[in-house]
Amino acid sequence: GTTVMTNFGLYGTIVAVDDDENTVDIESTPGTVVRVHRQTIARVIPEPEPEDTSADTTSDSESVQTEAPEAGNDDVSVDAGNDKAPEFGERSDISGDDSK
């Protein structure tokens, strides 16, 4: 069955679907089956992909970076033109235009 999550947070595996009654039976733990309305299924949980260890040919020494990348000299200057902080609930105008 497919692993799902209901809109109230129950995780489980679908074991039966009744189209006539519009219900789904979900096994939350081994031996515990809960019947819920179909519309309570919130999402399908994707199956975890198995790790392919044969494709990993990079050795540990190749993947370690020996030096940190150099930071660029980005001189950024921001001048709002107004040193007064806005009051609570007041919008701050970063353009420096005081006319409202």
PDB file of N, CA and C in Angstrom:
ATOM      1  N   GLY A   1       0.797  -1.179   0.000  1.00  0.00           N
ATOM      2  CA  GLY A   1       0.000   0.000   0.000  1.00  0.00           C
ATOM      3  C   GLY A   1       0.848   1.254   0.000  1.00  0.00           C
ATOM      4  N   THR A   2       0.181   2.338  -0.202  1.00  0.00           N
ATOM      5  CA  THR A   2       0.806   3.650  -0.261  1.00  0.00           C
ATOM      6  C   THR A   2       0.791   4.290   1.118  1.00  0.00           C
ATOM      7  N   THR A   3       1.909   4.916   1.497  1.00  0.00           N
ATOM      8  CA  THR A   3       1.986   5.620   2.771  1.00  0.00           C
ATOM      9  C   THR A   3       1.390   7.009   2.594  1.00  0.00           C
ATOM     10  N   VAL A   4       0.485   7.388   3.517  1.00  0.00           N
ATOM     11  CA  VAL A   4      -0.213   8.662   3.426  1.00  0.00           C
ATOM     12  C   VAL A   4      -0.212   9.362   4.782  1.00  0.00           C
ATOM     13  N   MET A   5      -0.572  10.651   4.750  1.00  0.00           N
ATOM     14  CA  MET A   5      -0.802  11.415   5.969  1.00  0.00           C
ATOM     15  C   MET A   5      -2.195  12.011   5.878  1.00  0.00           C
ATOM     16  N   THR A   6      -2.962  11.910   6.960  1.00  0.00           N
ATOM     17  CA  THR A   6      -4.292  12.500   6.978  1.00  0.00           C
ATOM     18  C   THR A   6      -4.195  13.965   7.378  1.00  0.00           C
ATOM     19  N   ASN A   7      -5.312  14.683   7.229  1.00  0.00           N
ATOM     20  CA  ASN A   7      -5.303  16.101   7.585  1.00  0.00           C
ATOM     21  C   ASN A   7      -5.258  16.319   9.091  1.00  0.00           C
ATOM     22  N   PHE A   8      -5.383  15.265   9.888  1.00  0.00           N
ATOM     23  CA  PHE A   8      -5.250  15.398  11.335  1.00  0.00           C
ATOM     24  C   PHE A   8      -3.959  14.763  11.841  1.00  0.00           C
ATOM     25  N   GLY A   9      -3.009  14.492  10.921  1.00  0.00           N
ATOM     26  CA  GLY A   9      -1.663  14.097  11.315  1.00  0.00           C
ATOM     27  C   GLY A   9      -1.407  12.620  11.488  1.00  0.00           C
ATOM     28  N   LEU A  10      -2.340  11.764  11.098  1.00  0.00           N
ATOM     29  CA  LEU A  10      -2.138  10.322  11.210  1.00  0.00           C
ATOM     30  C   LEU A  10      -1.386   9.820   9.988  1.00  0.00           C
ATOM     31  N   TYR A  11      -0.282   9.126  10.227  1.00  0.00           N
ATOM     32  CA  TYR A  11       0.490   8.511   9.153  1.00  0.00           C
ATOM     33  C   TYR A  11       0.155   7.030   9.120  1.00  0.00           C
ATOM     34  N   GLY A  12       0.088   6.470   7.914  1.00  0.00           N
ATOM     35  CA  GLY A  12      -0.167   5.053   7.794  1.00  0.00           C
ATOM     36  C   GLY A  12      -0.128   4.604   6.350  1.00  0.00           C
ATOM     37  N   THR A  13      -0.404   3.314   6.173  1.00  0.00           N
ATOM     38  CA  THR A  13      -0.389   2.697   4.856  1.00  0.00           C
ATOM     39  C   THR A  13      -1.806   2.316   4.468  1.00  0.00           C
ATOM     40  N   ILE A  14      -2.207   2.672   3.258  1.00  0.00           N
ATOM     41  CA  ILE A  14      -3.545   2.320   2.784  1.00  0.00           C
ATOM     42  C   ILE A  14      -3.612   0.818   2.556  1.00  0.00           C
ATOM     43  N   VAL A  15      -4.617   0.178   3.181  1.00  0.00           N
ATOM     44  CA  VAL A  15      -4.800  -1.259   2.990  1.00  0.00           C
ATOM     45  C   VAL A  15      -6.073  -1.568   2.211  1.00  0.00           C
ATOM     46  N   ALA A  16      -7.050  -0.634   2.202  1.00  0.00           N
ATOM     47  CA  ALA A  16      -8.287  -0.865   1.456  1.00  0.00           C
ATOM     48  C   ALA A  16      -8.959   0.467   1.151  1.00  0.00           C
ATOM     49  N   VAL A  17      -9.647   0.511   0.007  1.00  0.00           N
ATOM     50  CA  VAL A  17     -10.420   1.685  -0.397  1.00  0.00           C
ATOM     51  C   VAL A  17     -11.816   1.209  -0.754  1.00  0.00           C
ATOM     52  N   ASP A  18     -12.846   1.828  -0.153  1.00  0.00           N
ATOM     53  CA  ASP A  18     -14.232   1.487  -0.447  1.00  0.00           C
ATOM     54  C   ASP A  18     -14.857   2.669  -1.180  1.00  0.00           C
ATOM     55  N   ASP A  19     -14.990   2.535  -2.510  1.00  0.00           N
ATOM     56  CA  ASP A  19     -15.540   3.619  -3.320  1.00  0.00           C
ATOM     57  C   ASP A  19     -17.016   3.865  -3.025  1.00  0.00           C
ATOM     58  N   ASP A  20     -17.770   2.808  -2.686  1.00  0.00           N
ATOM     59  CA  ASP A  20     -19.195   2.964  -2.412  1.00  0.00           C
ATOM     60  C   ASP A  20     -19.437   3.753  -1.128  1.00  0.00           C
ATOM     61  N   GLU A  21     -18.662   3.460  -0.084  1.00  0.00           N
ATOM     62  CA  GLU A  21     -18.813   4.141   1.204  1.00  0.00           C
ATOM     63  C   GLU A  21     -17.944   5.395   1.306  1.00  0.00           C
ATOM     64  N   ASN A  22     -17.046   5.589   0.330  1.00  0.00           N
ATOM     65  CA  ASN A  22     -16.142   6.740   0.306  1.00  0.00           C
ATOM     66  C   ASN A  22     -15.206   6.747   1.517  1.00  0.00           C
ATOM     67  N   THR A  23     -14.679   5.557   1.855  1.00  0.00           N
ATOM     68  CA  THR A  23     -13.787   5.419   2.998  1.00  0.00           C
ATOM     69  C   THR A  23     -12.474   4.779   2.586  1.00  0.00           C
ATOM     70  N   VAL A  24     -11.476   4.952   3.447  1.00  0.00           N
ATOM     71  CA  VAL A  24     -10.156   4.359   3.252  1.00  0.00           C
ATOM     72  C   VAL A  24      -9.753   3.709   4.563  1.00  0.00           C
ATOM     73  N   ASP A  25      -9.232   2.486   4.490  1.00  0.00           N
ATOM     74  CA  ASP A  25      -8.690   1.814   5.666  1.00  0.00           C
ATOM     75  C   ASP A  25      -7.189   2.035   5.680  1.00  0.00           C
ATOM     76  N   ILE A  26      -6.683   2.594   6.784  1.00  0.00           N
ATOM     77  CA  ILE A  26      -5.264   2.908   6.931  1.00  0.00           C
ATOM     78  C   ILE A  26      -4.702   2.103   8.093  1.00  0.00           C
ATOM     79  N   GLU A  27      -3.588   1.418   7.837  1.00  0.00           N
ATOM     80  CA  GLU A  27      -2.894   0.696   8.902  1.00  0.00           C
ATOM     81  C   GLU A  27      -1.825   1.630   9.463  1.00  0.00           C
ATOM     82  N   SER A  28      -2.053   2.107  10.706  1.00  0.00           N
ATOM     83  CA  SER A  28      -1.125   3.061  11.310  1.00  0.00           C
ATOM     84  C   SER A  28       0.038   2.358  11.996  1.00  0.00           C
ATOM     85  N   THR A  29      -0.222   1.244  12.627  1.00  0.00           N
ATOM     86  CA  THR A  29       0.812   0.381  13.204  1.00  0.00           C
ATOM     87  C   THR A  29       0.447  -1.045  12.842  1.00  0.00           C
ATOM     88  N   PRO A  30       1.384  -1.976  12.908  1.00  0.00           N
ATOM     89  CA  PRO A  30       1.045  -3.357  12.534  1.00  0.00           C
ATOM     90  C   PRO A  30      -0.145  -3.882  13.342  1.00  0.00           C
ATOM     91  N   GLY A  31      -1.199  -4.231  12.634  1.00  0.00           N
ATOM     92  CA  GLY A  31      -2.393  -4.771  13.265  1.00  0.00           C
ATOM     93  C   GLY A  31      -3.438  -3.732  13.635  1.00  0.00           C
ATOM     94  N   THR A  32      -3.133  -2.453  13.522  1.00  0.00           N
ATOM     95  CA  THR A  32      -4.086  -1.393  13.855  1.00  0.00           C
ATOM     96  C   THR A  32      -4.558  -0.731  12.569  1.00  0.00           C
ATOM     97  N   VAL A  33      -5.846  -0.936  12.247  1.00  0.00           N
ATOM     98  CA  VAL A  33      -6.424  -0.383  11.025  1.00  0.00           C
ATOM     99  C   VAL A  33      -7.492   0.629  11.415  1.00  0.00           C
ATOM    100  N   VAL A  34      -7.411   1.809  10.817  1.00  0.00           N
ATOM    101  CA  VAL A  34      -8.349   2.894  11.081  1.00  0.00           C
ATOM    102  C   VAL A  34      -9.103   3.184   9.795  1.00  0.00           C
ATOM    103  N   ARG A  35     -10.433   3.330   9.898  1.00  0.00           N
ATOM    104  CA  ARG A  35     -11.244   3.674   8.731  1.00  0.00           C
ATOM    105  C   ARG A  35     -11.555   5.168   8.796  1.00  0.00           C
ATOM    106  N   VAL A  36     -11.217   5.875   7.713  1.00  0.00           N
ATOM    107  CA  VAL A  36     -11.444   7.323   7.649  1.00  0.00           C
ATOM    108  C   VAL A  36     -12.130   7.661   6.331  1.00  0.00           C
ATOM    109  N   HIS A  37     -12.697   8.844   6.261  1.00  0.00           N
ATOM    110  CA  HIS A  37     -13.282   9.337   5.015  1.00  0.00           C
ATOM    111  C   HIS A  37     -12.155   9.622   4.032  1.00  0.00           C
ATOM    112  N   ARG A  38     -12.414   9.415   2.760  1.00  0.00           N
ATOM    113  CA  ARG A  38     -11.369   9.606   1.738  1.00  0.00           C
ATOM    114  C   ARG A  38     -10.823  11.023   1.711  1.00  0.00           C
ATOM    115  N   GLN A  39     -11.644  12.002   2.005  1.00  0.00           N
ATOM    116  CA  GLN A  39     -11.199  13.390   1.929  1.00  0.00           C
ATOM    117  C   GLN A  39     -10.267  13.783   3.069  1.00  0.00           C
ATOM    118  N   THR A  40     -10.071  12.915   4.050  1.00  0.00           N
ATOM    119  CA  THR A  40      -9.120  13.238   5.119  1.00  0.00           C
ATOM    120  C   THR A  40      -7.685  12.927   4.719  1.00  0.00           C
ATOM    121  N   ILE A  41      -7.474  12.280   3.568  1.00  0.00           N
ATOM    122  CA  ILE A  41      -6.114  12.025   3.091  1.00  0.00           C
ATOM    123  C   ILE A  41      -5.549  13.359   2.602  1.00  0.00           C
ATOM    124  N   ALA A  42      -4.536  13.864   3.317  1.00  0.00           N
ATOM    125  CA  ALA A  42      -3.972  15.174   2.979  1.00  0.00           C
ATOM    126  C   ALA A  42      -2.888  15.064   1.921  1.00  0.00           C
ATOM    127  N   ARG A  43      -2.019  14.059   2.057  1.00  0.00           N
ATOM    128  CA  ARG A  43      -0.940  13.927   1.075  1.00  0.00           C
ATOM    129  C   ARG A  43      -0.375  12.522   1.082  1.00  0.00           C
ATOM    130  N   VAL A  44       0.261  12.198  -0.032  1.00  0.00           N
ATOM    131  CA  VAL A  44       0.944  10.919  -0.188  1.00  0.00           C
ATOM    132  C   VAL A  44       2.402  11.138   0.187  1.00  0.00           C
ATOM    133  N   ILE A  45       2.933  10.256   1.017  1.00  0.00           N
ATOM    134  CA  ILE A  45       4.324  10.351   1.447  1.00  0.00           C
ATOM    135  C   ILE A  45       5.176   9.611   0.424  1.00  0.00           C
ATOM    136  N   PRO A  46       6.154  10.298  -0.191  1.00  0.00           N
ATOM    137  CA  PRO A  46       6.989   9.630  -1.201  1.00  0.00           C
ATOM    138  C   PRO A  46       7.876   8.564  -0.571  1.00  0.00           C
ATOM    139  N   GLU A  47       8.091   7.507  -1.324  1.00  0.00           N
ATOM    140  CA  GLU A  47       8.974   6.438  -0.869  1.00  0.00           C
ATOM    141  C   GLU A  47      10.408   6.944  -0.874  1.00  0.00           C
ATOM    142  N   PRO A  48      11.202   6.618   0.146  1.00  0.00           N
ATOM    143  CA  PRO A  48      12.607   7.051   0.134  1.00  0.00           C
ATOM    144  C   PRO A  48      13.367   6.330  -0.964  1.00  0.00           C
ATOM    145  N   GLU A  49      14.194   7.103  -1.676  1.00  0.00           N
ATOM    146  CA  GLU A  49      14.978   6.514  -2.753  1.00  0.00           C
ATOM    147  C   GLU A  49      16.182   5.799  -2.155  1.00  0.00           C
ATOM    148  N   PRO A  50      16.451   4.576  -2.601  1.00  0.00           N
ATOM    149  CA  PRO A  50      17.619   3.868  -2.070  1.00  0.00           C
ATOM    150  C   PRO A  50      18.900   4.555  -2.506  1.00  0.00           C
ATOM    151  N   GLU A  51      19.867   4.603  -1.593  1.00  0.00           N
ATOM    152  CA  GLU A  51      21.142   5.235  -1.916  1.00  0.00           C
ATOM    153  C   GLU A  51      21.948   4.320  -2.813  1.00  0.00           C
ATOM    154  N   ASP A  52      22.473   4.886  -3.890  1.00  0.00           N
ATOM    155  CA  ASP A  52      23.287   4.129  -4.827  1.00  0.00           C
ATOM    156  C   ASP A  52      24.746   4.372  -4.473  1.00  0.00           C
ATOM    157  N   THR A  53      25.349   3.435  -3.757  1.00  0.00           N
ATOM    158  CA  THR A  53      26.729   3.616  -3.310  1.00  0.00           C
ATOM    159  C   THR A  53      27.725   3.284  -4.398  1.00  0.00           C
ATOM    160  N   SER A  54      27.315   2.584  -5.449  1.00  0.00           N
ATOM    161  CA  SER A  54      28.253   2.230  -6.512  1.00  0.00           C
ATOM    162  C   SER A  54      28.618   3.437  -7.368  1.00  0.00           C
ATOM    163  N   ALA A  55      27.759   4.451  -7.444  1.00  0.00           N
ATOM    164  CA  ALA A  55      28.029   5.627  -8.261  1.00  0.00           C
ATOM    165  C   ALA A  55      28.928   6.629  -7.543  1.00  0.00           C
ATOM    166  N   ASP A  56      29.130   6.442  -6.255  1.00  0.00           N
ATOM    167  CA  ASP A  56      29.954   7.366  -5.478  1.00  0.00           C
ATOM    168  C   ASP A  56      31.412   6.963  -5.609  1.00  0.00           C
ATOM    169  N   THR A  57      32.111   7.599  -6.545  1.00  0.00           N
ATOM    170  CA  THR A  57      33.513   7.262  -6.786  1.00  0.00           C
ATOM    171  C   THR A  57      34.456   8.322  -6.245  1.00  0.00           C
ATOM    172  N   THR A  58      33.915   9.388  -5.652  1.00  0.00           N
ATOM    173  CA  THR A  58      34.748  10.458  -5.119  1.00  0.00           C
ATOM    174  C   THR A  58      35.324  10.021  -3.783  1.00  0.00           C
ATOM    175  N   SER A  59      36.624  10.118  -3.657  1.00  0.00           N
ATOM    176  CA  SER A  59      37.237   9.774  -2.378  1.00  0.00           C
ATOM    177  C   SER A  59      37.090  10.943  -1.425  1.00  0.00           C
ATOM    178  N   ASP A  60      37.290  10.681  -0.150  1.00  0.00           N
ATOM    179  CA  ASP A  60      37.152  11.729   0.845  1.00  0.00           C
ATOM    180  C   ASP A  60      38.160  12.848   0.630  1.00  0.00           C
ATOM    181  N   SER A  61      39.355  12.522   0.171  1.00  0.00           N
ATOM    182  CA  SER A  61      40.371  13.554  -0.009  1.00  0.00           C
ATOM    183  C   SER A  61      40.033  14.476  -1.177  1.00  0.00           C
ATOM    184  N   GLU A  62      39.283  13.987  -2.160  1.00  0.00           N
ATOM    185  CA  GLU A  62      38.908  14.827  -3.295  1.00  0.00           C
ATOM    186  C   GLU A  62      37.760  15.762  -2.956  1.00  0.00           C
ATOM    187  N   SER A  63      36.918  15.381  -2.011  1.00  0.00           N
ATOM    188  CA  SER A  63      35.740  16.181  -1.725  1.00  0.00           C
ATOM    189  C   SER A  63      35.989  17.250  -0.672  1.00  0.00           C
ATOM    190  N   VAL A  64      37.130  17.218  -0.004  1.00  0.00           N
ATOM    191  CA  VAL A  64      37.425  18.201   1.027  1.00  0.00           C
ATOM    192  C   VAL A  64      38.036  19.431   0.387  1.00  0.00           C
ATOM    193  N   GLN A  65      37.475  20.581   0.704  1.00  0.00           N
ATOM    194  CA  GLN A  65      37.994  21.832   0.168  1.00  0.00           C
ATOM    195  C   GLN A  65      39.082  22.321   1.113  1.00  0.00           C
ATOM    196  N   THR A  66      40.269  22.615   0.578  1.00  0.00           N
ATOM    197  CA  THR A  66      41.393  22.975   1.428  1.00  0.00           C
ATOM    198  C   THR A  66      41.418  24.449   1.775  1.00  0.00           C
ATOM    199  N   GLU A  67      40.923  25.317   0.921  1.00  0.00           N
ATOM    200  CA  GLU A  67      40.937  26.748   1.187  1.00  0.00           C
ATOM    201  C   GLU A  67      39.530  27.309   1.054  1.00  0.00           C
ATOM    202  N   ALA A  68      39.268  28.307   1.859  1.00  0.00           N
ATOM    203  CA  ALA A  68      37.979  28.983   1.761  1.00  0.00           C
ATOM    204  C   ALA A  68      37.999  29.892   0.542  1.00  0.00           C
ATOM    205  N   PRO A  69      36.889  30.010  -0.156  1.00  0.00           N
ATOM    206  CA  PRO A  69      36.862  30.913  -1.309  1.00  0.00           C
ATOM    207  C   PRO A  69      37.034  32.351  -0.845  1.00  0.00           C
ATOM    208  N   GLU A  70      37.705  33.149  -1.678  1.00  0.00           N
ATOM    209  CA  GLU A  70      37.932  34.543  -1.329  1.00  0.00           C
ATOM    210  C   GLU A  70      36.648  35.337  -1.466  1.00  0.00           C
ATOM    211  N   ALA A  71      36.429  36.182  -0.489  1.00  0.00           N
ATOM    212  CA  ALA A  71      35.247  37.032  -0.531  1.00  0.00           C
ATOM    213  C   ALA A  71      35.529  38.222  -1.424  1.00  0.00           C
ATOM    214  N   GLY A  72      34.553  38.609  -2.191  1.00  0.00           N
ATOM    215  CA  GLY A  72      34.707  39.759  -3.074  1.00  0.00           C
ATOM    216  C   GLY A  72      34.698  41.052  -2.277  1.00  0.00           C
ATOM    217  N   ASN A  73      35.260  42.077  -2.832  1.00  0.00           N
ATOM    218  CA  ASN A  73      35.290  43.376  -2.186  1.00  0.00           C
ATOM    219  C   ASN A  73      34.065  44.154  -2.639  1.00  0.00           C
ATOM    220  N   ASP A  74      32.943  43.864  -2.026  1.00  0.00           N
ATOM    221  CA  ASP A  74      31.689  44.513  -2.385  1.00  0.00           C
ATOM    222  C   ASP A  74      31.422  45.632  -1.393  1.00  0.00           C
ATOM    223  N   ASP A  75      31.785  46.853  -1.766  1.00  0.00           N
ATOM    224  CA  ASP A  75      31.520  47.996  -0.908  1.00  0.00           C
ATOM    225  C   ASP A  75      30.088  48.435  -1.140  1.00  0.00           C
ATOM    226  N   VAL A  76      29.248  48.150  -0.172  1.00  0.00           N
ATOM    227  CA  VAL A  76      27.842  48.502  -0.277  1.00  0.00           C
ATOM    228  C   VAL A  76      27.564  49.587   0.742  1.00  0.00           C
ATOM    229  N   SER A  77      26.999  50.668   0.285  1.00  0.00           N
ATOM    230  CA  SER A  77      26.681  51.782   1.163  1.00  0.00           C
ATOM    231  C   SER A  77      25.200  52.079   1.041  1.00  0.00           C
ATOM    232  N   VAL A  78      24.526  52.109   2.183  1.00  0.00           N
ATOM    233  CA  VAL A  78      23.106  52.414   2.198  1.00  0.00           C
ATOM    234  C   VAL A  78      22.930  53.694   2.994  1.00  0.00           C
ATOM    235  N   ASP A  79      22.353  54.694   2.376  1.00  0.00           N
ATOM    236  CA  ASP A  79      22.102  55.959   3.047  1.00  0.00           C
ATOM    237  C   ASP A  79      20.616  56.239   2.941  1.00  0.00           C
ATOM    238  N   ALA A  80      19.917  56.046   4.039  1.00  0.00           N
ATOM    239  CA  ALA A  80      18.479  56.264   4.035  1.00  0.00           C
ATOM    240  C   ALA A  80      18.150  57.743   4.095  1.00  0.00           C
ATOM    241  N   GLY A  81      19.094  58.572   4.519  1.00  0.00           N
ATOM    242  CA  GLY A  81      18.847  59.996   4.565  1.00  0.00           C
ATOM    243  C   GLY A  81      18.019  60.421   5.761  1.00  0.00           C
ATOM    244  N   ASN A  82      17.599  59.485   6.573  1.00  0.00           N
ATOM    245  CA  ASN A  82      16.791  59.798   7.736  1.00  0.00           C
ATOM    246  C   ASN A  82      17.247  58.897   8.863  1.00  0.00           C
ATOM    247  N   ASP A  83      17.830  59.496   9.905  1.00  0.00           N
ATOM    248  CA  ASP A  83      18.348  58.704  11.014  1.00  0.00           C
ATOM    249  C   ASP A  83      17.277  58.375  12.038  1.00  0.00           C
ATOM    250  N   LYS A  84      16.096  58.966  11.913  1.00  0.00           N
ATOM    251  CA  LYS A  84      15.022  58.736  12.873  1.00  0.00           C
ATOM    252  C   LYS A  84      14.334  57.408  12.563  1.00  0.00           C
ATOM    253  N   ALA A  85      14.202  56.570  13.577  1.00  0.00           N
ATOM    254  CA  ALA A  85      13.525  55.282  13.411  1.00  0.00           C
ATOM    255  C   ALA A  85      12.026  55.513  13.329  1.00  0.00           C
ATOM    256  N   PRO A  86      11.313  54.731  12.541  1.00  0.00           N
ATOM    257  CA  PRO A  86       9.864  54.907  12.440  1.00  0.00           C
ATOM    258  C   PRO A  86       9.175  54.499  13.737  1.00  0.00           C
ATOM    259  N   GLU A  87       8.056  55.145  14.017  1.00  0.00           N
ATOM    260  CA  GLU A  87       7.250  54.785  15.168  1.00  0.00           C
ATOM    261  C   GLU A  87       6.564  53.448  14.897  1.00  0.00           C
ATOM    262  N   PHE A  88       6.058  52.831  15.952  1.00  0.00           N
ATOM    263  CA  PHE A  88       5.365  51.559  15.805  1.00  0.00           C
ATOM    264  C   PHE A  88       4.174  51.725  14.863  1.00  0.00           C
ATOM    265  N   GLY A  89       4.105  50.872  13.858  1.00  0.00           N
ATOM    266  CA  GLY A  89       3.013  50.904  12.895  1.00  0.00           C
ATOM    267  C   GLY A  89       3.245  51.855  11.736  1.00  0.00           C
ATOM    268  N   GLU A  90       4.301  52.677  11.810  1.00  0.00           N
ATOM    269  CA  GLU A  90       4.614  53.616  10.746  1.00  0.00           C
ATOM    270  C   GLU A  90       5.543  52.949   9.743  1.00  0.00           C
ATOM    271  N   ARG A  91       5.292  53.172   8.468  1.00  0.00           N
ATOM    272  CA  ARG A  91       6.151  52.589   7.438  1.00  0.00           C
ATOM    273  C   ARG A  91       7.469  53.332   7.382  1.00  0.00           C
ATOM    274  N   SER A  92       8.537  52.581   7.182  1.00  0.00           N
ATOM    275  CA  SER A  92       9.831  53.232   7.010  1.00  0.00           C
ATOM    276  C   SER A  92      10.030  53.504   5.532  1.00  0.00           C
ATOM    277  N   ASP A  93      10.490  54.705   5.215  1.00  0.00           N
ATOM    278  CA  ASP A  93      10.705  55.117   3.835  1.00  0.00           C
ATOM    279  C   ASP A  93      12.200  55.149   3.589  1.00  0.00           C
ATOM    280  N   ILE A  94      12.707  54.165   2.859  1.00  0.00           N
ATOM    281  CA  ILE A  94      14.147  54.084   2.647  1.00  0.00           C
ATOM    282  C   ILE A  94      14.617  54.970   1.508  1.00  0.00           C
ATOM    283  N   SER A  95      13.700  55.630   0.816  1.00  0.00           N
ATOM    284  CA  SER A  95      14.106  56.485  -0.297  1.00  0.00           C
ATOM    285  C   SER A  95      14.583  57.848   0.180  1.00  0.00           C
ATOM    286  N   GLY A  96      14.308  58.207   1.431  1.00  0.00           N
ATOM    287  CA  GLY A  96      14.736  59.488   1.960  1.00  0.00           C
ATOM    288  C   GLY A  96      13.744  60.601   1.711  1.00  0.00           C
ATOM    289  N   ASP A  97      12.624  60.314   1.084  1.00  0.00           N
ATOM    290  CA  ASP A  97      11.600  61.308   0.800  1.00  0.00           C
ATOM    291  C   ASP A  97      10.694  61.422   2.015  1.00  0.00           C
ATOM    292  N   ASP A  98      10.701  62.598   2.678  1.00  0.00           N
ATOM    293  CA  ASP A  98       9.915  62.771   3.890  1.00  0.00           C
ATOM    294  C   ASP A  98       8.485  63.216   3.615  1.00  0.00           C
ATOM    295  N   SER A  99       8.134  63.552   2.375  1.00  0.00           N
ATOM    296  CA  SER A  99       6.777  63.995   2.076  1.00  0.00           C
ATOM    297  C   SER A  99       5.842  62.802   2.078  1.00  0.00           C
ATOM    298  N   LYS A 100       4.663  62.996   2.691  1.00  0.00           N
ATOM    299  CA  LYS A 100       3.719  61.876   2.790  1.00  0.00           C
ATOM    300  C   LYS A 100       2.376  62.260   2.265  1.00  0.00           C
TER     301      LYS A 100
END
